[in-house]
Amino acid sequence: QVQLVESGGGLVQAGGSLRLSCAASGRTFSSYNVGWFRQAPGKEREFVARISWSGGSTRYADSVKGRFTISRDNAKNTAYLQMNSLKPEDTAVYYCAADPSNIKYDYWGQGTQVTVSS
């Protein structure tokens, strides 16, 4: 069982930056792939970024490529999402999730709000 807690959200002006953190409990986190997702009001949840268990492989949604960077520190049981050049359309609740089987995300955090003002 893994519990995930996101932090680092907030209000930022367009063009600004935020770094989200996803702190995990459990010794097996380092063997799990991790993803970040977001959900804006009235919209479906969408994929943002993914990192493999080792950190050696990453993937991004086209909408954030070149602006967001996903990373992890397995020694700290934490994953990160560095968000630069933020746009108002990045406003959403951001969730991290853990995928232990390379099949689906079984564990989800409670989310952290990111609001980008124009």
C-alpha atoms as a PDB file:
ATOM      1  CA  GLN A   1       0.000   0.000   0.000  1.00  0.00           C
ATOM      2  CA  VAL A   2       1.281   3.459  -0.898  1.00  0.00           C
ATOM      3  CA  GLN A   3      -0.104   6.792   0.227  1.00  0.00           C
ATOM      4  CA  LEU A   4       0.636   9.879  -1.843  1.00  0.00           C
ATOM      5  CA  VAL A   5       0.473  13.488  -0.698  1.00  0.00           C
ATOM      6  CA  GLU A   6       0.866  16.375  -3.138  1.00  0.00           C
ATOM      7  CA  SER A   7       2.021  19.834  -2.165  1.00  0.00           C
ATOM      8  CA  GLY A   8       3.364  22.994  -3.763  1.00  0.00           C
ATOM      9  CA  GLY A   9       0.277  24.258  -5.513  1.00  0.00           C
ATOM     10  CA  GLY A  10      -0.831  27.861  -5.333  1.00  0.00           C
ATOM     11  CA  LEU A  11      -1.640  31.026  -7.213  1.00  0.00           C
ATOM     12  CA  VAL A  12       0.905  32.313  -9.727  1.00  0.00           C
ATOM     13  CA  GLN A  13       0.884  34.829 -12.547  1.00  0.00           C
ATOM     14  CA  ALA A  14       1.178  33.740 -16.156  1.00  0.00           C
ATOM     15  CA  GLY A  15       4.802  33.133 -17.038  1.00  0.00           C
ATOM     16  CA  GLY A  16       5.654  32.125 -13.503  1.00  0.00           C
ATOM     17  CA  SER A  17       6.825  28.825 -12.059  1.00  0.00           C
ATOM     18  CA  LEU A  18       5.780  26.320  -9.433  1.00  0.00           C
ATOM     19  CA  ARG A  19       7.233  23.042  -8.258  1.00  0.00           C
ATOM     20  CA  LEU A  20       4.839  20.356  -7.124  1.00  0.00           C
ATOM     21  CA  SER A  21       5.942  17.571  -4.825  1.00  0.00           C
ATOM     22  CA  CYS A  22       4.447  14.120  -4.352  1.00  0.00           C
ATOM     23  CA  ALA A  23       5.567  12.522  -1.101  1.00  0.00           C
ATOM     24  CA  ALA A  24       4.986   8.799  -0.781  1.00  0.00           C
ATOM     25  CA  SER A  25       4.815   6.461   2.150  1.00  0.00           C
ATOM     26  CA  GLY A  26       5.978   2.881   1.796  1.00  0.00           C
ATOM     27  CA  ARG A  27       9.289   1.328   0.929  1.00  0.00           C
ATOM     28  CA  THR A  28       8.164   0.119  -2.499  1.00  0.00           C
ATOM     29  CA  PHE A  29       7.657   3.584  -4.014  1.00  0.00           C
ATOM     30  CA  SER A  30      11.050   3.430  -5.673  1.00  0.00           C
ATOM     31  CA  SER A  31       9.855   0.502  -7.775  1.00  0.00           C
ATOM     32  CA  TYR A  32       6.732   2.277  -9.040  1.00  0.00           C
ATOM     33  CA  ASN A  33       6.267   4.414 -12.128  1.00  0.00           C
ATOM     34  CA  VAL A  34       4.791   7.803 -11.245  1.00  0.00           C
ATOM     35  CA  GLY A  35       2.471  10.022 -13.198  1.00  0.00           C
ATOM     36  CA  TRP A  36       1.087  13.506 -12.849  1.00  0.00           C
ATOM     37  CA  PHE A  37      -2.444  14.278 -14.007  1.00  0.00           C
ATOM     38  CA  ARG A  38      -4.645  17.345 -13.839  1.00  0.00           C
ATOM     39  CA  GLN A  39      -8.312  18.169 -13.901  1.00  0.00           C
ATOM     40  CA  ALA A  40      -9.691  21.584 -14.716  1.00  0.00           C
ATOM     41  CA  PRO A  41     -13.238  22.595 -13.744  1.00  0.00           C
ATOM     42  CA  GLY A  42     -15.774  20.984 -16.038  1.00  0.00           C
ATOM     43  CA  LYS A  43     -13.155  18.937 -17.853  1.00  0.00           C
ATOM     44  CA  GLU A  44     -11.953  15.365 -17.802  1.00  0.00           C
ATOM     45  CA  ARG A  45      -8.805  14.442 -15.947  1.00  0.00           C
ATOM     46  CA  GLU A  46      -5.857  14.476 -18.325  1.00  0.00           C
ATOM     47  CA  PHE A  47      -2.370  13.059 -18.375  1.00  0.00           C
ATOM     48  CA  VAL A  48       0.490  15.509 -17.803  1.00  0.00           C
ATOM     49  CA  ALA A  49       3.712  13.560 -17.344  1.00  0.00           C
ATOM     50  CA  ARG A  50       5.137  10.195 -16.381  1.00  0.00           C
ATOM     51  CA  ILE A  51       8.459   8.954 -15.045  1.00  0.00           C
ATOM     52  CA  SER A  52       9.690   5.397 -14.815  1.00  0.00           C
ATOM     53  CA  TRP A  53      10.645   3.810 -11.519  1.00  0.00           C
ATOM     54  CA  SER A  54      14.335   4.449 -12.147  1.00  0.00           C
ATOM     55  CA  GLY A  55      13.863   7.952 -13.487  1.00  0.00           C
ATOM     56  CA  GLY A  56      15.452   6.898 -16.737  1.00  0.00           C
ATOM     57  CA  SER A  57      12.370   7.360 -18.878  1.00  0.00           C
ATOM     58  CA  THR A  58       9.953  10.272 -19.016  1.00  0.00           C
ATOM     59  CA  ARG A  59       6.960  11.189 -21.141  1.00  0.00           C
ATOM     60  CA  TYR A  60       4.922  14.373 -21.421  1.00  0.00           C
ATOM     61  CA  ALA A  61       1.656  15.590 -22.804  1.00  0.00           C
ATOM     62  CA  ASP A  62       2.185  17.796 -25.850  1.00  0.00           C
ATOM     63  CA  SER A  63       0.575  20.703 -24.041  1.00  0.00           C
ATOM     64  CA  VAL A  64       3.332  20.838 -21.397  1.00  0.00           C
ATOM     65  CA  LYS A  65       6.351  19.574 -23.314  1.00  0.00           C
ATOM     66  CA  GLY A  66       9.260  21.961 -22.984  1.00  0.00           C
ATOM     67  CA  ARG A  67       7.688  23.764 -20.026  1.00  0.00           C
ATOM     68  CA  PHE A  68       7.233  21.032 -17.390  1.00  0.00           C
ATOM     69  CA  THR A  69       9.821  18.617 -16.041  1.00  0.00           C
ATOM     70  CA  ILE A  70       9.057  15.486 -14.049  1.00  0.00           C
ATOM     71  CA  SER A  71      11.690  14.044 -11.742  1.00  0.00           C
ATOM     72  CA  ARG A  72      12.000  11.870  -8.669  1.00  0.00           C
ATOM     73  CA  ASP A  73      14.258  11.256  -5.714  1.00  0.00           C
ATOM     74  CA  ASN A  74      13.783   7.672  -4.615  1.00  0.00           C
ATOM     75  CA  ALA A  75      15.938   8.192  -1.547  1.00  0.00           C
ATOM     76  CA  LYS A  76      13.343  10.727  -0.381  1.00  0.00           C
ATOM     77  CA  ASN A  77      10.318   8.796  -1.683  1.00  0.00           C
ATOM     78  CA  THR A  78       9.299  11.923  -3.562  1.00  0.00           C
ATOM     79  CA  ALA A  79       8.413  12.835  -7.119  1.00  0.00           C
ATOM     80  CA  TYR A  80       8.340  16.357  -8.495  1.00  0.00           C
ATOM     81  CA  LEU A  81       6.769  18.357 -11.259  1.00  0.00           C
ATOM     82  CA  GLN A  82       8.622  21.547 -12.128  1.00  0.00           C
ATOM     83  CA  MET A  83       6.276  23.840 -14.028  1.00  0.00           C
ATOM     84  CA  ASN A  84       7.708  26.832 -15.879  1.00  0.00           C
ATOM     85  CA  SER A  85       6.169  29.390 -18.238  1.00  0.00           C
ATOM     86  CA  LEU A  86       2.774  28.716 -16.727  1.00  0.00           C
ATOM     87  CA  LYS A  87      -0.324  29.674 -18.683  1.00  0.00           C
ATOM     88  CA  PRO A  88      -3.883  30.316 -17.497  1.00  0.00           C
ATOM     89  CA  GLU A  89      -4.924  27.088 -19.219  1.00  0.00           C
ATOM     90  CA  ASP A  90      -2.656  25.170 -16.818  1.00  0.00           C
ATOM     91  CA  THR A  91      -5.097  26.019 -14.026  1.00  0.00           C
ATOM     92  CA  ALA A  92      -6.333  22.742 -12.543  1.00  0.00           C
ATOM     93  CA  VAL A  93      -6.120  20.383  -9.620  1.00  0.00           C
ATOM     94  CA  TYR A  94      -2.931  18.369 -10.055  1.00  0.00           C
ATOM     95  CA  TYR A  95      -2.733  14.771  -8.911  1.00  0.00           C
ATOM     96  CA  CYS A  96       0.156  12.378  -8.650  1.00  0.00           C
ATOM     97  CA  ALA A  97      -0.355   8.669  -9.074  1.00  0.00           C
ATOM     98  CA  ALA A  98       1.736   5.529  -8.694  1.00  0.00           C
ATOM     99  CA  ASP A  99       1.743   2.606 -11.095  1.00  0.00           C
ATOM    100  CA  PRO A 100       3.268  -0.524  -9.555  1.00  0.00           C
ATOM    101  CA  SER A 101       2.596  -2.901 -12.412  1.00  0.00           C
ATOM    102  CA  ASN A 102       3.251  -0.827 -15.543  1.00  0.00           C
ATOM    103  CA  ILE A 103      -0.404  -1.430 -16.321  1.00  0.00           C
ATOM    104  CA  LYS A 104      -2.428   1.135 -14.447  1.00  0.00           C
ATOM    105  CA  TYR A 105      -2.208   3.715 -11.700  1.00  0.00           C
ATOM    106  CA  ASP A 106      -3.394   2.061  -8.525  1.00  0.00           C
ATOM    107  CA  TYR A 107      -2.613   4.812  -6.034  1.00  0.00           C
ATOM    108  CA  TRP A 108      -3.637   8.452  -6.165  1.00  0.00           C
ATOM    109  CA  GLY A 109      -3.031  11.523  -4.065  1.00  0.00           C
ATOM    110  CA  GLN A 110      -5.691  13.989  -2.972  1.00  0.00           C
ATOM    111  CA  GLY A 111      -4.575  16.697  -5.374  1.00  0.00           C
ATOM    112  CA  THR A 112      -3.191  20.207  -5.113  1.00  0.00           C
ATOM    113  CA  GLN A 113      -4.721  23.297  -6.705  1.00  0.00           C
ATOM    114  CA  VAL A 114      -2.736  25.308  -9.242  1.00  0.00           C
ATOM    115  CA  THR A 115      -4.206  28.604 -10.374  1.00  0.00           C
ATOM    116  CA  VAL A 116      -2.522  30.720 -13.046  1.00  0.00           C
ATOM    117  CA  SER A 117      -3.777  34.275 -13.419  1.00  0.00           C
ATOM    118  CA  SER A 118      -3.515  36.223 -16.659  1.00  0.00           C
END
